[in-house]
Amino acid sequence: MRYYLRNIGILKSCLLALALSTDAQAAQEIVLVSDQSQIVKLPEIPTTVLVGNPAIADITIEGKSMFVHPKGYGLTNILALDQDGKKLGDYQVRVIYEDSYSVSMYGPEGRQTYTCRKDCEPTVRIGDVNEYFSTNIGQVIGKTSLAEGQASSGQSASQNVNSTPTMIVTTGVAP
C-alpha cells in the first residue's frame, strides 16, 4: 500500500509539472472601448490569426503589429500563431461602450443617442431605433464618400467649398 501511494504522489507531481510546462498560459485581456482601436505588439510576424467572433472585434496585421478594432459589444478571443502553429499571443477581447458625454433619449419608438460635449450632436450606437440609426449612418457614409472623392481627385475640402456635391444620399426619411 505504501508503494502504491508513493507512485500516485510521483504521478501527480509529474502531471502537475507537465501542465505547468505547456502553453497553458492564461489569455491576456484586452478591453476595447467602442470606436477605439488598440495596437498589440507580437514577438514575431504571425502566419495565422484567428478571431473567435468577427462581429465583436476584427484585426489588421502590419509586421509585428496587430491592430484590434471593435465592431460590436461583447467578448471574443484572438489567437496569433507562427508558421509552426506555436502561439505568439492569446487574447481575450472585451468590447464595451464608454462615453461620459453620451446622452440616450428614449421615446415611444426607441432610443436615440447623442454626444453632448459642448453642443449635442447625433451619434449612432448599436441598439438605437432603426430610422434614427439609418439616417445618421447615411449622412456619415455620404460625408465619407464626398471626402474620399475629393482626396482621390487631389482637392482639399477648402478648395471645393463653392462646388455643388454630386452625390445624394437617400435615407427614406422625408425632409
Protein backbone atom coordinates (compact mmCIF):
# COMPACT_ATOMS: atom_id res chain seq x y z
CA MET A 1 0.00 0.00 0.00
CA ARG A 2 2.84 2.35 0.87
CA TYR A 3 4.48 1.67 -2.53
CA TYR A 4 1.15 2.37 -4.29
CA LEU A 5 0.64 5.75 -2.54
CA ARG A 6 4.22 6.81 -3.30
CA ASN A 7 3.69 6.06 -7.03
CA ILE A 8 0.45 8.05 -7.05
CA GLY A 9 2.30 11.00 -5.46
CA ILE A 10 5.04 10.81 -8.11
CA LEU A 11 2.42 10.58 -10.87
CA LYS A 12 0.60 13.67 -9.54
CA SER A 13 3.88 15.62 -9.39
CA CYS A 14 4.73 14.65 -12.99
CA LEU A 15 1.28 15.63 -14.26
CA LEU A 16 1.48 18.99 -12.48
CA ALA A 17 4.93 19.70 -13.94
CA LEU A 18 3.68 18.75 -17.41
CA ALA A 19 0.65 21.02 -17.11
CA LEU A 20 2.79 23.96 -15.99
CA SER A 21 5.36 23.46 -18.76
CA THR A 22 2.85 23.50 -21.64
CA ASP A 23 1.33 26.51 -23.34
CA ALA A 24 -1.34 26.71 -20.65
CA GLN A 25 -0.86 30.44 -20.03
CA ALA A 26 -3.98 32.47 -19.36
CA ALA A 27 -5.17 34.69 -22.17
CA GLN A 28 -4.16 38.34 -21.92
CA GLU A 29 -7.20 40.59 -21.53
CA ILE A 30 -7.78 43.50 -23.91
CA VAL A 31 -10.62 45.91 -23.17
CA LEU A 32 -11.70 47.93 -26.20
CA VAL A 33 -13.94 50.95 -25.96
CA SER A 34 -16.33 51.10 -28.91
CA ASP A 35 -14.92 53.06 -31.86
CA GLN A 36 -11.35 53.00 -30.44
CA SER A 37 -8.74 50.59 -31.81
CA GLN A 38 -5.68 49.31 -29.96
CA ILE A 39 -2.23 48.15 -31.09
CA VAL A 40 -0.82 44.85 -29.82
CA LYS A 41 2.89 44.13 -30.40
CA LEU A 42 3.67 40.48 -31.17
CA PRO A 43 7.10 38.84 -30.65
CA GLU A 44 7.29 37.97 -34.37
CA ILE A 45 5.23 38.26 -37.54
CA PRO A 46 2.26 35.89 -37.27
CA THR A 47 1.36 33.42 -40.01
CA THR A 48 -2.18 32.79 -38.78
CA VAL A 49 -4.51 34.93 -36.68
CA LEU A 50 -7.87 33.59 -35.54
CA VAL A 51 -10.72 35.79 -34.30
CA GLY A 52 -13.38 33.91 -32.35
CA ASN A 53 -16.28 36.22 -33.26
CA PRO A 54 -15.56 38.76 -36.03
CA ALA A 55 -18.87 40.51 -35.26
CA ILE A 56 -17.33 41.70 -31.95
CA ALA A 57 -13.74 42.52 -33.00
CA ASP A 58 -11.55 42.40 -36.08
CA ILE A 59 -7.83 42.73 -36.70
CA THR A 60 -5.35 44.15 -39.17
CA ILE A 61 -1.77 42.88 -39.25
CA GLU A 62 1.20 45.02 -40.25
CA GLY A 63 4.51 43.32 -39.49
CA LYS A 64 4.68 42.51 -35.77
CA SER A 65 1.84 44.93 -35.00
CA MET A 66 -1.73 43.69 -34.67
CA PHE A 67 -4.39 46.40 -34.76
CA VAL A 68 -7.52 45.31 -32.90
CA HIS A 69 -10.75 47.04 -33.96
CA PRO A 70 -14.06 46.85 -32.05
CA LYS A 71 -17.14 46.08 -34.15
CA GLY A 72 -19.87 45.15 -31.66
CA TYR A 73 -20.24 44.68 -27.90
CA GLY A 74 -19.32 41.50 -26.07
CA LEU A 75 -16.50 39.05 -25.53
CA THR A 76 -14.36 37.13 -28.04
CA ASN A 77 -10.83 35.81 -28.33
CA ILE A 78 -7.90 36.26 -30.71
CA LEU A 79 -5.09 33.75 -31.24
CA ALA A 80 -1.89 34.63 -33.13
CA LEU A 81 0.22 31.68 -34.38
CA ASP A 82 3.61 31.37 -36.05
CA GLN A 83 4.34 29.18 -39.09
CA ASP A 84 4.78 26.11 -36.86
CA GLY A 85 1.42 26.65 -35.15
CA LYS A 86 3.04 27.87 -31.91
CA LYS A 87 1.09 30.53 -30.01
CA LEU A 88 2.53 34.03 -30.31
CA GLY A 89 -0.38 35.58 -28.45
CA ASP A 90 -3.64 34.57 -26.80
CA TYR A 91 -6.03 37.43 -26.09
CA GLN A 92 -9.46 37.70 -24.54
CA VAL A 93 -11.10 40.77 -26.07
CA ARG A 94 -13.97 42.58 -24.36
CA VAL A 95 -15.71 45.42 -26.23
CA ILE A 96 -17.57 47.91 -24.07
CA TYR A 97 -19.38 51.21 -24.58
CA GLU A 98 -17.96 54.08 -22.56
CA ASP A 99 -18.63 57.74 -23.26
CA SER A 100 -19.03 60.22 -20.43
CA TYR A 101 -20.58 62.73 -22.87
CA SER A 102 -23.21 60.32 -24.19
CA VAL A 103 -26.88 61.03 -23.68
CA SER A 104 -29.55 58.48 -24.59
CA MET A 105 -33.08 59.71 -25.21
CA TYR A 106 -35.88 57.16 -25.02
CA GLY A 107 -39.18 57.74 -26.76
CA PRO A 108 -42.10 55.56 -27.82
CA GLU A 109 -40.24 54.45 -30.96
CA GLY A 110 -36.96 53.61 -29.18
CA ARG A 111 -33.58 55.04 -28.21
CA GLN A 112 -31.62 57.85 -29.86
CA THR A 113 -28.04 58.60 -28.78
CA TYR A 114 -26.29 61.97 -28.73
CA THR A 115 -22.83 63.10 -27.72
CA CYS A 116 -23.06 66.30 -25.69
CA ARG A 117 -19.69 67.84 -25.01
CA LYS A 118 -20.43 71.50 -25.79
CA ASP A 119 -23.46 71.09 -28.04
CA CYS A 120 -25.43 67.88 -28.52
CA GLU A 121 -24.75 66.12 -31.82
CA PRO A 122 -26.38 62.89 -33.04
CA THR A 123 -24.24 59.79 -32.88
CA VAL A 124 -25.07 56.15 -33.54
CA ARG A 125 -24.87 53.25 -31.14
CA ILE A 126 -25.94 49.65 -31.54
CA GLY A 127 -29.49 49.47 -30.18
CA ASP A 128 -30.65 52.89 -31.43
CA VAL A 129 -34.01 52.97 -33.20
CA ASN A 130 -33.57 51.85 -36.84
CA GLU A 131 -34.79 55.02 -38.56
CA TYR A 132 -32.52 57.28 -36.45
CA PHE A 133 -29.57 54.91 -36.89
CA SER A 134 -30.06 54.62 -40.68
CA THR A 135 -30.44 58.38 -41.15
CA ASN A 136 -27.22 59.14 -39.28
CA ILE A 137 -25.23 56.32 -40.88
CA GLY A 138 -26.40 57.52 -44.30
CA GLN A 139 -25.09 61.00 -43.54
CA VAL A 140 -21.75 59.63 -42.31
CA ILE A 141 -21.37 57.47 -45.44
CA GLY A 142 -22.24 60.45 -47.64
CA LYS A 143 -19.69 62.68 -45.93
CA THR A 144 -17.01 59.99 -46.09
CA SER A 145 -17.68 59.32 -49.78
CA LEU A 146 -17.50 63.03 -50.55
CA ALA A 147 -14.19 63.36 -48.69
CA GLU A 148 -12.76 60.26 -50.40
CA GLY A 149 -13.81 61.64 -53.78
CA GLN A 150 -12.06 64.92 -53.04
CA ALA A 151 -8.94 63.11 -51.82
CA SER A 152 -8.73 60.93 -54.93
CA SER A 153 -9.11 63.98 -57.18
CA GLY A 154 -6.39 65.84 -55.26
CA GLN A 155 -8.77 68.51 -53.92
CA SER A 156 -8.96 69.57 -50.33
CA ALA A 157 -12.27 70.42 -48.69
CA SER A 158 -11.36 74.12 -48.70
CA GLN A 159 -10.73 74.02 -52.47
CA ASN A 160 -14.18 72.61 -53.08
CA VAL A 161 -16.28 74.94 -50.88
CA ASN A 162 -18.25 76.57 -53.72
CA SER A 163 -18.89 73.43 -55.75
CA THR A 164 -22.14 71.51 -55.54
CA PRO A 165 -21.85 67.91 -54.34
CA THR A 166 -22.91 65.42 -56.97
CA MET A 167 -23.77 62.66 -54.54
CA ILE A 168 -27.22 62.39 -52.96
CA VAL A 169 -27.81 60.04 -50.05
CA THR A 170 -31.35 58.77 -49.66
CA THR A 171 -32.29 57.62 -46.20
CA GLY A 172 -36.00 57.06 -46.67
CA VAL A 173 -36.84 59.92 -44.31
CA ALA A 174 -38.80 62.88 -45.65
CA PRO A 175 -37.07 66.25 -45.05
